[in-house]
Amino acid sequence: MTAQEPTQAEAAQEPGGPRRGRRAFFGLAAAAAGAAGLAGAVAIPPYLTETPTSAPPPASPRGRFDGRVVLITGATSGIGEATAKAFAAEGAKVGFCGRRAHHGRRVEQEIREAGGIARYLQADVRDPEQLRRFVDETVGAFGRLDVAFNNAGITKSAPLHEMTLEDWTDVQHTNARGVFLAIKYEVPHMLKNGGVIICTASESRRPGGVAYSSSKQAIKGIVEAASMDYGSKGIRINAIAPGTTDTALVRPPSLPDAVWEAFKRAWGPRNASGLQRMASAEEIARSVVSLATAEFSYMAGSTVLVGGAPFGGGPMNMPPGFPAG
């Protein structure tokens, strides 16, 4: 397995929590062995005492989005949540959505307690009317739309012949169709003053990923075509392809902290050949914020890989001593 995987708020869009593809994603048999059993079965080698590299501390917010309005889909956890908080810290008024209202209200409250401006609306990107309402109400509440981060997505894993049509459709409608609809509803508001749209794509191509990988490649195509439709009208449209990120999407539920930390330390050198570690959600969020600034004013139709290494493809290279499911 390489560094490019579904990240972001991707599983966070499901009412019942992250999708089942997460456990297959890492191959950890947490459900079968149980978290306690797994913790007892994994001996943490002495060499796994420190991460090979560490993320640099974030720069202090500079107010780069003072007075700007930012809209984010899939922001109730993971990369979406971190990005909502990052934009708010930079002075933006942030409207965001997600399916899980209790998480959305929590994120909204945390942003406000930190001195930011945020508005959460429960919405499912698979439902055109809910998505349209979210976009229109965000603009109605804040008066304009300057930046949109179309981040909502899910993953479901299975070999192609075992993938059900229902699961295939769910992934396509959430990931690719959701991005199509979001741009469709965002653009009319941006035609007034221009703007920036960033979508979450992926360079993930691996066994069992037929639904996810195809949906994310479709997003890249949407971005490329839409950037030509609207670039001359002052709207820049790009995509970001995050590497494997330490979020609820990729961490098996109930896994003890010590085991997860050991897994990440072992995973990094075997899968992220450059920085040799997983990304944090905050790192990916800072990349999104940066791409939305005027420093990237001549970038359009691009997919920016933020993966900690060149993309290589293939199955995950599991660290020794961890179970494969």
C-alpha atoms as a PDB file:
ATOM      1  CA  MET A   1       0.000   0.000   0.000  1.00  0.00           C
ATOM      2  CA  THR A   2       1.229   3.473  -0.796  1.00  0.00           C
ATOM      3  CA  ALA A   3       0.575   6.807   0.767  1.00  0.00           C
ATOM      4  CA  GLN A   4      -2.528   7.714  -1.226  1.00  0.00           C
ATOM      5  CA  GLU A   5      -5.761   6.613   0.371  1.00  0.00           C
ATOM      6  CA  PRO A   6      -9.235   7.864   1.105  1.00  0.00           C
ATOM      7  CA  THR A   7      -8.947  10.418   3.853  1.00  0.00           C
ATOM      8  CA  GLN A   8     -10.842  13.512   4.917  1.00  0.00           C
ATOM      9  CA  ALA A   9     -14.308  13.456   6.288  1.00  0.00           C
ATOM     10  CA  GLU A  10     -14.963  10.686   3.910  1.00  0.00           C
ATOM     11  CA  ALA A  11     -16.480   8.141   6.262  1.00  0.00           C
ATOM     12  CA  ALA A  12     -17.894  10.877   8.420  1.00  0.00           C
ATOM     13  CA  GLN A  13     -20.756  11.426   6.012  1.00  0.00           C
ATOM     14  CA  GLU A  14     -22.495   8.202   7.005  1.00  0.00           C
ATOM     15  CA  PRO A  15     -25.153   8.515   9.735  1.00  0.00           C
ATOM     16  CA  GLY A  16     -23.966   5.373  11.464  1.00  0.00           C
ATOM     17  CA  GLY A  17     -20.313   6.334  11.314  1.00  0.00           C
ATOM     18  CA  PRO A  18     -17.453   5.401   8.982  1.00  0.00           C
ATOM     19  CA  ARG A  19     -18.083   2.962   6.178  1.00  0.00           C
ATOM     20  CA  ARG A  20     -17.094  -0.665   6.380  1.00  0.00           C
ATOM     21  CA  GLY A  21     -14.314  -0.165   3.812  1.00  0.00           C
ATOM     22  CA  ARG A  22     -12.093   1.272   6.526  1.00  0.00           C
ATOM     23  CA  ARG A  23     -11.294  -2.067   8.156  1.00  0.00           C
ATOM     24  CA  ALA A  24     -10.536  -3.718   4.845  1.00  0.00           C
ATOM     25  CA  PHE A  25      -8.527  -0.637   3.957  1.00  0.00           C
ATOM     26  CA  PHE A  26      -5.864  -1.369   6.508  1.00  0.00           C
ATOM     27  CA  GLY A  27      -6.402  -5.101   6.804  1.00  0.00           C
ATOM     28  CA  LEU A  28      -6.393  -4.905  10.578  1.00  0.00           C
ATOM     29  CA  ALA A  29      -8.478  -7.686  12.073  1.00  0.00           C
ATOM     30  CA  ALA A  30      -9.634  -5.517  14.934  1.00  0.00           C
ATOM     31  CA  ALA A  31     -13.215  -6.706  14.732  1.00  0.00           C
ATOM     32  CA  ALA A  32     -12.299 -10.367  14.830  1.00  0.00           C
ATOM     33  CA  ALA A  33      -9.512 -10.268  17.355  1.00  0.00           C
ATOM     34  CA  GLY A  34     -10.998  -7.509  19.480  1.00  0.00           C
ATOM     35  CA  ALA A  35      -9.059  -4.455  20.468  1.00  0.00           C
ATOM     36  CA  ALA A  36      -7.766  -5.975  23.693  1.00  0.00           C
ATOM     37  CA  GLY A  37      -6.656  -9.140  21.970  1.00  0.00           C
ATOM     38  CA  LEU A  38      -4.908  -7.164  19.272  1.00  0.00           C
ATOM     39  CA  ALA A  39      -3.117  -5.057  21.823  1.00  0.00           C
ATOM     40  CA  GLY A  40      -1.870  -8.168  23.575  1.00  0.00           C
ATOM     41  CA  ALA A  41      -0.870  -9.876  20.334  1.00  0.00           C
ATOM     42  CA  VAL A  42       1.288  -7.042  18.996  1.00  0.00           C
ATOM     43  CA  ALA A  43       4.754  -6.661  20.451  1.00  0.00           C
ATOM     44  CA  ILE A  44       6.039  -3.140  19.770  1.00  0.00           C
ATOM     45  CA  PRO A  45       9.664  -3.485  18.573  1.00  0.00           C
ATOM     46  CA  PRO A  46      12.233  -1.235  20.300  1.00  0.00           C
ATOM     47  CA  TYR A  47      13.106   0.504  17.031  1.00  0.00           C
ATOM     48  CA  LEU A  48       9.598   1.884  16.818  1.00  0.00           C
ATOM     49  CA  THR A  49      10.138   4.530  19.446  1.00  0.00           C
ATOM     50  CA  GLU A  50       9.933   7.710  17.381  1.00  0.00           C
ATOM     51  CA  THR A  51       8.279   8.801  14.167  1.00  0.00           C
ATOM     52  CA  PRO A  52      10.817   9.061  11.325  1.00  0.00           C
ATOM     53  CA  THR A  53       9.755  12.657  10.676  1.00  0.00           C
ATOM     54  CA  SER A  54       7.313  14.977  12.329  1.00  0.00           C
ATOM     55  CA  ALA A  55       5.013  17.660  11.029  1.00  0.00           C
ATOM     56  CA  PRO A  56       6.313  21.201  11.473  1.00  0.00           C
ATOM     57  CA  PRO A  57       4.308  23.435  13.770  1.00  0.00           C
ATOM     58  CA  PRO A  58       1.632  25.418  11.933  1.00  0.00           C
ATOM     59  CA  ALA A  59       2.274  29.060  11.185  1.00  0.00           C
ATOM     60  CA  SER A  60       0.195  31.577  13.076  1.00  0.00           C
ATOM     61  CA  PRO A  61      -3.019  32.546  11.255  1.00  0.00           C
ATOM     62  CA  ARG A  62      -2.555  35.677   9.150  1.00  0.00           C
ATOM     63  CA  GLY A  63      -6.136  36.706   8.498  1.00  0.00           C
ATOM     64  CA  ARG A  64      -5.828  35.766   4.820  1.00  0.00           C
ATOM     65  CA  PHE A  65      -9.586  35.182   4.537  1.00  0.00           C
ATOM     66  CA  ASP A  66     -10.927  38.073   6.575  1.00  0.00           C
ATOM     67  CA  GLY A  67     -14.405  38.880   5.293  1.00  0.00           C
ATOM     68  CA  ARG A  68     -14.448  35.918   2.904  1.00  0.00           C
ATOM     69  CA  VAL A  69     -17.091  33.199   2.854  1.00  0.00           C
ATOM     70  CA  VAL A  70     -16.014  29.557   2.640  1.00  0.00           C
ATOM     71  CA  LEU A  71     -18.308  26.586   2.025  1.00  0.00           C
ATOM     72  CA  ILE A  72     -17.228  23.009   2.842  1.00  0.00           C
ATOM     73  CA  THR A  73     -18.967  19.676   2.309  1.00  0.00           C
ATOM     74  CA  GLY A  74     -18.098  16.719   4.516  1.00  0.00           C
ATOM     75  CA  ALA A  75     -16.701  18.751   7.397  1.00  0.00           C
ATOM     76  CA  THR A  76     -17.989  16.936  10.479  1.00  0.00           C
ATOM     77  CA  SER A  77     -14.665  15.141  11.067  1.00  0.00           C
ATOM     78  CA  GLY A  78     -11.250  14.422   9.597  1.00  0.00           C
ATOM     79  CA  ILE A  79      -9.818  16.637   6.882  1.00  0.00           C
ATOM     80  CA  GLY A  80     -13.078  18.512   6.398  1.00  0.00           C
ATOM     81  CA  GLU A  81     -13.291  19.428  10.073  1.00  0.00           C
ATOM     82  CA  ALA A  82      -9.641  20.485  10.190  1.00  0.00           C
ATOM     83  CA  THR A  83     -10.123  22.616   7.069  1.00  0.00           C
ATOM     84  CA  ALA A  84     -13.222  24.328   8.460  1.00  0.00           C
ATOM     85  CA  LYS A  85     -11.253  25.243  11.584  1.00  0.00           C
ATOM     86  CA  ALA A  86      -8.248  26.388   9.538  1.00  0.00           C
ATOM     87  CA  PHE A  87     -10.308  28.718   7.342  1.00  0.00           C
ATOM     88  CA  ALA A  88     -12.148  30.086  10.378  1.00  0.00           C
ATOM     89  CA  ALA A  89      -8.820  30.782  12.098  1.00  0.00           C
ATOM     90  CA  GLU A  90      -7.830  32.781   9.009  1.00  0.00           C
ATOM     91  CA  GLY A  91     -10.889  34.998   9.407  1.00  0.00           C
ATOM     92  CA  ALA A  92     -13.346  33.292   7.054  1.00  0.00           C
ATOM     93  CA  LYS A  93     -17.043  32.864   7.649  1.00  0.00           C
ATOM     94  CA  VAL A  94     -17.455  29.120   7.232  1.00  0.00           C
ATOM     95  CA  GLY A  95     -20.599  27.274   6.208  1.00  0.00           C
ATOM     96  CA  PHE A  96     -20.264  23.503   6.265  1.00  0.00           C
ATOM     97  CA  CYS A  97     -22.371  20.382   6.004  1.00  0.00           C
ATOM     98  CA  GLY A  98     -22.296  16.670   6.821  1.00  0.00           C
ATOM     99  CA  ARG A  99     -24.798  13.953   7.592  1.00  0.00           C
ATOM    100  CA  ARG A 100     -24.060  13.532  11.287  1.00  0.00           C
ATOM    101  CA  ALA A 101     -25.710  16.423  13.084  1.00  0.00           C
ATOM    102  CA  HIS A 102     -24.153  15.755  16.495  1.00  0.00           C
ATOM    103  CA  HIS A 103     -20.657  16.015  15.034  1.00  0.00           C
ATOM    104  CA  GLY A 104     -21.610  19.045  12.978  1.00  0.00           C
ATOM    105  CA  ARG A 105     -22.885  20.896  16.019  1.00  0.00           C
ATOM    106  CA  ARG A 106     -19.715  20.007  17.907  1.00  0.00           C
ATOM    107  CA  VAL A 107     -17.459  21.378  15.164  1.00  0.00           C
ATOM    108  CA  GLU A 108     -19.605  24.509  14.889  1.00  0.00           C
ATOM    109  CA  GLN A 109     -19.369  25.100  18.631  1.00  0.00           C
ATOM    110  CA  GLU A 110     -15.607  24.520  18.747  1.00  0.00           C
ATOM    111  CA  ILE A 111     -15.033  27.028  15.953  1.00  0.00           C
ATOM    112  CA  ARG A 112     -17.191  29.621  17.680  1.00  0.00           C
ATOM    113  CA  GLU A 113     -15.499  29.039  21.042  1.00  0.00           C
ATOM    114  CA  ALA A 114     -12.162  29.707  19.331  1.00  0.00           C
ATOM    115  CA  GLY A 115     -13.481  33.060  18.105  1.00  0.00           C
ATOM    116  CA  GLY A 116     -14.422  31.981  14.580  1.00  0.00           C
ATOM    117  CA  ILE A 117     -17.631  32.258  12.591  1.00  0.00           C
ATOM    118  CA  ALA A 118     -19.261  29.004  11.468  1.00  0.00           C
ATOM    119  CA  ARG A 119     -22.665  27.717  10.455  1.00  0.00           C
ATOM    120  CA  TYR A 120     -23.491  24.022  10.221  1.00  0.00           C
ATOM    121  CA  LEU A 121     -26.343  22.618   8.153  1.00  0.00           C
ATOM    122  CA  GLN A 122     -27.120  18.930   7.986  1.00  0.00           C
ATOM    123  CA  ALA A 123     -27.086  17.860   4.343  1.00  0.00           C
ATOM    124  CA  ASP A 124     -26.456  14.739   2.267  1.00  0.00           C
ATOM    125  CA  VAL A 125     -24.515  15.428  -0.935  1.00  0.00           C
ATOM    126  CA  ARG A 126     -26.324  12.519  -2.611  1.00  0.00           C
ATOM    127  CA  ASP A 127     -29.570  14.488  -2.368  1.00  0.00           C
ATOM    128  CA  PRO A 128     -29.657  17.357  -4.909  1.00  0.00           C
ATOM    129  CA  GLU A 129     -32.235  19.384  -3.011  1.00  0.00           C
ATOM    130  CA  GLN A 130     -30.404  19.098   0.305  1.00  0.00           C
ATOM    131  CA  LEU A 131     -27.149  20.145  -1.339  1.00  0.00           C
ATOM    132  CA  ARG A 132     -28.752  23.034  -3.190  1.00  0.00           C
ATOM    133  CA  ARG A 133     -30.374  24.214   0.030  1.00  0.00           C
ATOM    134  CA  PHE A 134     -27.054  24.031   1.877  1.00  0.00           C
ATOM    135  CA  VAL A 135     -25.286  26.163  -0.748  1.00  0.00           C
ATOM    136  CA  ASP A 136     -28.106  28.697  -1.063  1.00  0.00           C
ATOM    137  CA  GLU A 137     -28.612  29.038   2.698  1.00  0.00           C
ATOM    138  CA  THR A 138     -24.899  29.509   3.277  1.00  0.00           C
ATOM    139  CA  VAL A 139     -24.834  32.333   0.734  1.00  0.00           C
ATOM    140  CA  GLY A 140     -28.049  33.736   2.162  1.00  0.00           C
ATOM    141  CA  ALA A 141     -26.613  33.779   5.678  1.00  0.00           C
ATOM    142  CA  PHE A 142     -23.219  35.268   4.781  1.00  0.00           C
ATOM    143  CA  GLY A 143     -24.031  37.290   1.668  1.00  0.00           C
ATOM    144  CA  ARG A 144     -21.559  35.816  -0.839  1.00  0.00           C
ATOM    145  CA  LEU A 145     -19.393  32.811  -1.700  1.00  0.00           C
ATOM    146  CA  ASP A 146     -15.645  33.068  -2.216  1.00  0.00           C
ATOM    147  CA  VAL A 147     -14.245  29.569  -1.661  1.00  0.00           C
ATOM    148  CA  ALA A 148     -15.776  26.100  -1.822  1.00  0.00           C
ATOM    149  CA  PHE A 149     -14.070  22.915  -0.661  1.00  0.00           C
ATOM    150  CA  ASN A 150     -16.000  19.912  -1.994  1.00  0.00           C
ATOM    151  CA  ASN A 151     -14.701  17.245   0.323  1.00  0.00           C
ATOM    152  CA  ALA A 152     -17.536  14.824   1.167  1.00  0.00           C
ATOM    153  CA  GLY A 153     -16.904  11.225   0.221  1.00  0.00           C
ATOM    154  CA  ILE A 154     -17.007   7.592   1.289  1.00  0.00           C
ATOM    155  CA  THR A 155     -15.239   4.360   0.435  1.00  0.00           C
ATOM    156  CA  LYS A 156     -16.367   0.755   0.136  1.00  0.00           C
ATOM    157  CA  SER A 157     -13.908  -1.993  -0.691  1.00  0.00           C
ATOM    158  CA  ALA A 158     -14.386  -5.282  -2.568  1.00  0.00           C
ATOM    159  CA  PRO A 159     -12.989  -7.045  -5.639  1.00  0.00           C
ATOM    160  CA  LEU A 160     -14.879  -5.858  -8.693  1.00  0.00           C
ATOM    161  CA  HIS A 161     -17.001  -8.997  -9.153  1.00  0.00           C
ATOM    162  CA  GLU A 162     -17.989  -8.911  -5.484  1.00  0.00           C
ATOM    163  CA  MET A 163     -18.883  -5.224  -5.427  1.00  0.00           C
ATOM    164  CA  THR A 164     -22.655  -4.872  -5.240  1.00  0.00           C
ATOM    165  CA  LEU A 165     -24.377  -2.437  -7.544  1.00  0.00           C
ATOM    166  CA  GLU A 166     -25.821  -0.730  -4.481  1.00  0.00           C
ATOM    167  CA  ASP A 167     -22.366  -0.120  -2.997  1.00  0.00           C
ATOM    168  CA  TRP A 168     -20.954   0.983  -6.353  1.00  0.00           C
ATOM    169  CA  THR A 169     -23.787   3.467  -6.821  1.00  0.00           C
ATOM    170  CA  ASP A 170     -23.487   4.789  -3.278  1.00  0.00           C
ATOM    171  CA  VAL A 171     -19.775   5.570  -3.730  1.00  0.00           C
ATOM    172  CA  GLN A 172     -20.290   7.155  -7.165  1.00  0.00           C
ATOM    173  CA  HIS A 173     -23.232   9.270  -6.031  1.00  0.00           C
ATOM    174  CA  THR A 174     -21.453  10.475  -2.918  1.00  0.00           C
ATOM    175  CA  ASN A 175     -18.035  11.131  -4.405  1.00  0.00           C
ATOM    176  CA  ALA A 176     -18.295  11.987  -8.117  1.00  0.00           C
ATOM    177  CA  ARG A 177     -21.955  12.975  -8.446  1.00  0.00           C
ATOM    178  CA  GLY A 178     -21.748  14.911  -5.180  1.00  0.00           C
ATOM    179  CA  VAL A 179     -18.868  16.996  -6.540  1.00  0.00           C
ATOM    180  CA  PHE A 180     -20.711  17.575  -9.834  1.00  0.00           C
ATOM    181  CA  LEU A 181     -23.799  18.808  -7.987  1.00  0.00           C
ATOM    182  CA  ALA A 182     -21.807  20.950  -5.572  1.00  0.00           C
ATOM    183  CA  ILE A 183     -20.018  22.783  -8.385  1.00  0.00           C
ATOM    184  CA  LYS A 184     -23.297  23.121 -10.272  1.00  0.00           C
ATOM    185  CA  TYR A 185     -24.870  24.954  -7.319  1.00  0.00           C
ATOM    186  CA  GLU A 186     -21.770  26.919  -6.283  1.00  0.00           C
ATOM    187  CA  VAL A 187     -20.861  28.413  -9.652  1.00  0.00           C
ATOM    188  CA  PRO A 188     -23.926  30.687 -10.065  1.00  0.00           C
ATOM    189  CA  HIS A 189     -23.022  32.459  -6.828  1.00  0.00           C
ATOM    190  CA  MET A 190     -19.363  32.799  -7.810  1.00  0.00           C
ATOM    191  CA  LEU A 191     -20.111  34.244 -11.223  1.00  0.00           C
ATOM    192  CA  LYS A 192     -20.839  37.547  -9.462  1.00  0.00           C
ATOM    193  CA  ASN A 193     -17.404  38.065  -7.881  1.00  0.00           C
ATOM    194  CA  GLY A 194     -15.220  35.126  -8.926  1.00  0.00           C
ATOM    195  CA  GLY A 195     -13.970  32.484  -6.524  1.00  0.00           C
ATOM    196  CA  VAL A 196     -12.015  29.327  -5.873  1.00  0.00           C
ATOM    197  CA  ILE A 197     -13.295  25.747  -5.850  1.00  0.00           C
ATOM    198  CA  ILE A 198     -11.169  22.882  -4.524  1.00  0.00           C
ATOM    199  CA  CYS A 199     -12.307  19.257  -4.651  1.00  0.00           C
ATOM    200  CA  THR A 200     -10.929  16.224  -2.863  1.00  0.00           C
ATOM    201  CA  ALA A 201      -9.684  13.684  -5.386  1.00  0.00           C
ATOM    202  CA  SER A 202      -7.215  10.839  -4.860  1.00  0.00           C
ATOM    203  CA  GLU A 203      -4.397   8.988  -6.586  1.00  0.00           C
ATOM    204  CA  SER A 204      -5.380   5.762  -4.833  1.00  0.00           C
ATOM    205  CA  ARG A 205      -5.314   2.732  -7.097  1.00  0.00           C
ATOM    206  CA  ARG A 206      -5.266  -0.545  -5.245  1.00  0.00           C
ATOM    207  CA  PRO A 207      -6.961  -3.929  -4.935  1.00  0.00           C
ATOM    208  CA  GLY A 208     -10.576  -3.692  -3.859  1.00  0.00           C
ATOM    209  CA  GLY A 209     -10.733  -0.016  -4.718  1.00  0.00           C
ATOM    210  CA  VAL A 210     -12.677  -0.137  -7.977  1.00  0.00           C
ATOM    211  CA  ALA A 211     -15.535   2.032  -6.721  1.00  0.00           C
ATOM    212  CA  TYR A 212     -13.420   4.509  -4.797  1.00  0.00           C
ATOM    213  CA  SER A 213     -10.620   4.886  -7.349  1.00  0.00           C
ATOM    214  CA  SER A 214     -12.999   5.326 -10.281  1.00  0.00           C
ATOM    215  CA  SER A 215     -15.018   7.948  -8.405  1.00  0.00           C
ATOM    216  CA  LYS A 216     -11.911   9.931  -7.552  1.00  0.00           C
ATOM    217  CA  GLN A 217     -10.585   9.754 -11.116  1.00  0.00           C
ATOM    218  CA  ALA A 218     -13.976  11.080 -12.223  1.00  0.00           C
ATOM    219  CA  ILE A 219     -13.529  14.032  -9.871  1.00  0.00           C
ATOM    220  CA  LYS A 220     -10.234  14.850 -11.568  1.00  0.00           C
ATOM    221  CA  GLY A 221     -12.023  14.855 -14.925  1.00  0.00           C
ATOM    222  CA  ILE A 222     -14.788  17.086 -13.583  1.00  0.00           C
ATOM    223  CA  VAL A 223     -12.207  19.532 -12.257  1.00  0.00           C
ATOM    224  CA  GLU A 224     -10.297  19.640 -15.532  1.00  0.00           C
ATOM    225  CA  ALA A 225     -13.407  20.275 -17.633  1.00  0.00           C
ATOM    226  CA  ALA A 226     -15.006  22.740 -15.219  1.00  0.00           C
ATOM    227  CA  SER A 227     -11.797  24.747 -14.943  1.00  0.00           C
ATOM    228  CA  MET A 228     -12.030  25.422 -18.685  1.00  0.00           C
ATOM    229  CA  ASP A 229     -15.715  26.317 -18.447  1.00  0.00           C
ATOM    230  CA  TYR A 230     -15.233  28.937 -15.734  1.00  0.00           C
ATOM    231  CA  GLY A 231     -11.607  30.033 -15.650  1.00  0.00           C
ATOM    232  CA  SER A 232     -12.290  32.972 -17.928  1.00  0.00           C
ATOM    233  CA  LYS A 233     -15.116  33.981 -15.597  1.00  0.00           C
ATOM    234  CA  GLY A 234     -12.842  34.372 -12.605  1.00  0.00           C
ATOM    235  CA  ILE A 235     -13.415  30.975 -10.987  1.00  0.00           C
ATOM    236  CA  ARG A 236     -10.367  28.792 -10.376  1.00  0.00           C
ATOM    237  CA  ILE A 237     -11.124  25.092  -9.934  1.00  0.00           C
ATOM    238  CA  ASN A 238      -8.533  22.573  -8.737  1.00  0.00           C
ATOM    239  CA  ALA A 239      -8.329  19.331  -6.776  1.00  0.00           C
ATOM    240  CA  ILE A 240      -6.180  18.013  -3.981  1.00  0.00           C
ATOM    241  CA  ALA A 241      -5.135  14.371  -3.641  1.00  0.00           C
ATOM    242  CA  PRO A 242      -4.249  13.705   0.014  1.00  0.00           C
ATOM    243  CA  GLY A 243      -1.989  10.919   1.135  1.00  0.00           C
ATOM    244  CA  THR A 244      -3.003   8.516   3.881  1.00  0.00           C
ATOM    245  CA  THR A 245      -4.111  10.686   6.772  1.00  0.00           C
ATOM    246  CA  ASP A 246      -4.587   9.922  10.440  1.00  0.00           C
ATOM    247  CA  THR A 247      -8.367  10.258  10.642  1.00  0.00           C
ATOM    248  CA  ALA A 248     -11.317   8.188  11.801  1.00  0.00           C
ATOM    249  CA  LEU A 249     -11.639   6.861   8.263  1.00  0.00           C
ATOM    250  CA  VAL A 250      -8.423   4.869   8.433  1.00  0.00           C
ATOM    251  CA  ARG A 251      -8.168   3.984  12.110  1.00  0.00           C
ATOM    252  CA  PRO A 252     -10.111   0.849  13.044  1.00  0.00           C
ATOM    253  CA  PRO A 253     -12.641   1.528  15.796  1.00  0.00           C
ATOM    254  CA  SER A 254     -11.696   0.788  19.413  1.00  0.00           C
ATOM    255  CA  LEU A 255      -8.044   0.195  18.546  1.00  0.00           C
ATOM    256  CA  PRO A 256      -5.890   1.076  21.589  1.00  0.00           C
ATOM    257  CA  ASP A 257      -3.870   4.256  21.219  1.00  0.00           C
ATOM    258  CA  ALA A 258      -0.550   2.486  21.830  1.00  0.00           C
ATOM    259  CA  VAL A 259      -1.219  -0.042  19.059  1.00  0.00           C
ATOM    260  CA  TRP A 260      -2.339   2.631  16.627  1.00  0.00           C
ATOM    261  CA  GLU A 261       0.722   4.775  17.322  1.00  0.00           C
ATOM    262  CA  ALA A 262       3.000   1.765  16.863  1.00  0.00           C
ATOM    263  CA  PHE A 263       1.227   0.867  13.638  1.00  0.00           C
ATOM    264  CA  LYS A 264       1.693   4.371  12.272  1.00  0.00           C
ATOM    265  CA  ARG A 265       5.384   4.377  13.165  1.00  0.00           C
ATOM    266  CA  ALA A 266       5.861   1.061  11.396  1.00  0.00           C
ATOM    267  CA  TRP A 267       3.654   2.001   8.469  1.00  0.00           C
ATOM    268  CA  GLY A 268       5.443   5.204   7.536  1.00  0.00           C
ATOM    269  CA  PRO A 269       8.849   3.945   6.347  1.00  0.00           C
ATOM    270  CA  ARG A 270       7.212   1.056   4.472  1.00  0.00           C
ATOM    271  CA  ASN A 271       4.606   3.088   2.600  1.00  0.00           C
ATOM    272  CA  ALA A 272       5.480   6.795   2.492  1.00  0.00           C
ATOM    273  CA  SER A 273       8.938   6.724   0.978  1.00  0.00           C
ATOM    274  CA  GLY A 274       9.457  10.464   1.233  1.00  0.00           C
ATOM    275  CA  LEU A 275       8.364  11.752   4.627  1.00  0.00           C
ATOM    276  CA  GLN A 276       7.917   8.207   6.050  1.00  0.00           C
ATOM    277  CA  ARG A 277       4.814   8.972   8.094  1.00  0.00           C
ATOM    278  CA  MET A 278       1.087   9.492   7.798  1.00  0.00           C
ATOM    279  CA  ALA A 279      -0.235  12.973   7.295  1.00  0.00           C
ATOM    280  CA  SER A 280      -2.238  14.753   9.944  1.00  0.00           C
ATOM    281  CA  ALA A 281      -5.629  16.191   9.026  1.00  0.00           C
ATOM    282  CA  GLU A 282      -4.294  19.637   9.909  1.00  0.00           C
ATOM    283  CA  GLU A 283      -1.477  19.308   7.361  1.00  0.00           C
ATOM    284  CA  ILE A 284      -3.901  18.526   4.571  1.00  0.00           C
ATOM    285  CA  ALA A 285      -6.153  21.359   5.716  1.00  0.00           C
ATOM    286  CA  ARG A 286      -3.272  23.832   5.481  1.00  0.00           C
ATOM    287  CA  SER A 287      -2.645  22.682   1.922  1.00  0.00           C
ATOM    288  CA  VAL A 288      -6.258  23.385   0.999  1.00  0.00           C
ATOM    289  CA  VAL A 289      -6.155  26.822   2.611  1.00  0.00           C
ATOM    290  CA  SER A 290      -2.946  27.670   0.779  1.00  0.00           C
ATOM    291  CA  LEU A 291      -4.343  26.572  -2.597  1.00  0.00           C
ATOM    292  CA  ALA A 292      -7.289  28.893  -2.052  1.00  0.00           C
ATOM    293  CA  THR A 293      -5.058  31.963  -1.653  1.00  0.00           C
ATOM    294  CA  ALA A 294      -3.963  34.328  -4.390  1.00  0.00           C
ATOM    295  CA  GLU A 295      -0.479  32.803  -4.266  1.00  0.00           C
ATOM    296  CA  PHE A 296      -1.867  30.119  -6.594  1.00  0.00           C
ATOM    297  CA  SER A 297      -3.748  32.527  -8.859  1.00  0.00           C
ATOM    298  CA  TYR A 298      -2.473  30.884 -12.061  1.00  0.00           C
ATOM    299  CA  MET A 299      -3.343  27.320 -11.106  1.00  0.00           C
ATOM    300  CA  ALA A 300      -6.455  25.872 -12.730  1.00  0.00           C
ATOM    301  CA  GLY A 301      -7.592  22.357 -13.591  1.00  0.00           C
ATOM    302  CA  SER A 302      -4.794  20.752 -11.572  1.00  0.00           C
ATOM    303  CA  THR A 303      -4.779  17.927  -9.061  1.00  0.00           C
ATOM    304  CA  VAL A 304      -2.170  18.574  -6.395  1.00  0.00           C
ATOM    305  CA  LEU A 305      -0.698  15.491  -4.739  1.00  0.00           C
ATOM    306  CA  VAL A 306      -0.064  16.001  -1.024  1.00  0.00           C
ATOM    307  CA  GLY A 307       1.085  12.486  -0.256  1.00  0.00           C
ATOM    308  CA  GLY A 308       4.409  12.604   1.553  1.00  0.00           C
ATOM    309  CA  ALA A 309       5.970  10.676  -1.352  1.00  0.00           C
ATOM    310  CA  PRO A 310       5.640  10.013  -5.067  1.00  0.00           C
ATOM    311  CA  PHE A 311       2.660   7.808  -5.788  1.00  0.00           C
ATOM    312  CA  GLY A 312       3.563   4.197  -6.489  1.00  0.00           C
ATOM    313  CA  GLY A 313       0.304   2.247  -6.324  1.00  0.00           C
ATOM    314  CA  GLY A 314      -0.229  -1.329  -5.249  1.00  0.00           C
ATOM    315  CA  PRO A 315      -1.324  -3.067  -2.050  1.00  0.00           C
ATOM    316  CA  MET A 316      -0.467  -1.797   1.366  1.00  0.00           C
ATOM    317  CA  ASN A 317       2.913  -2.895   2.689  1.00  0.00           C
ATOM    318  CA  MET A 318       1.854  -4.129   6.113  1.00  0.00           C
ATOM    319  CA  PRO A 319       4.351  -3.770   8.960  1.00  0.00           C
ATOM    320  CA  PRO A 320       5.503  -7.098  10.444  1.00  0.00           C
ATOM    321  CA  GLY A 321       3.740  -8.175  13.596  1.00  0.00           C
ATOM    322  CA  PHE A 322       0.368  -6.643  12.669  1.00  0.00           C
ATOM    323  CA  PRO A 323      -2.472  -8.889  11.534  1.00  0.00           C
ATOM    324  CA  ALA A 324      -3.717  -8.768   7.965  1.00  0.00           C
ATOM    325  CA  GLY A 325      -7.449  -9.236   7.437  1.00  0.00           C
END
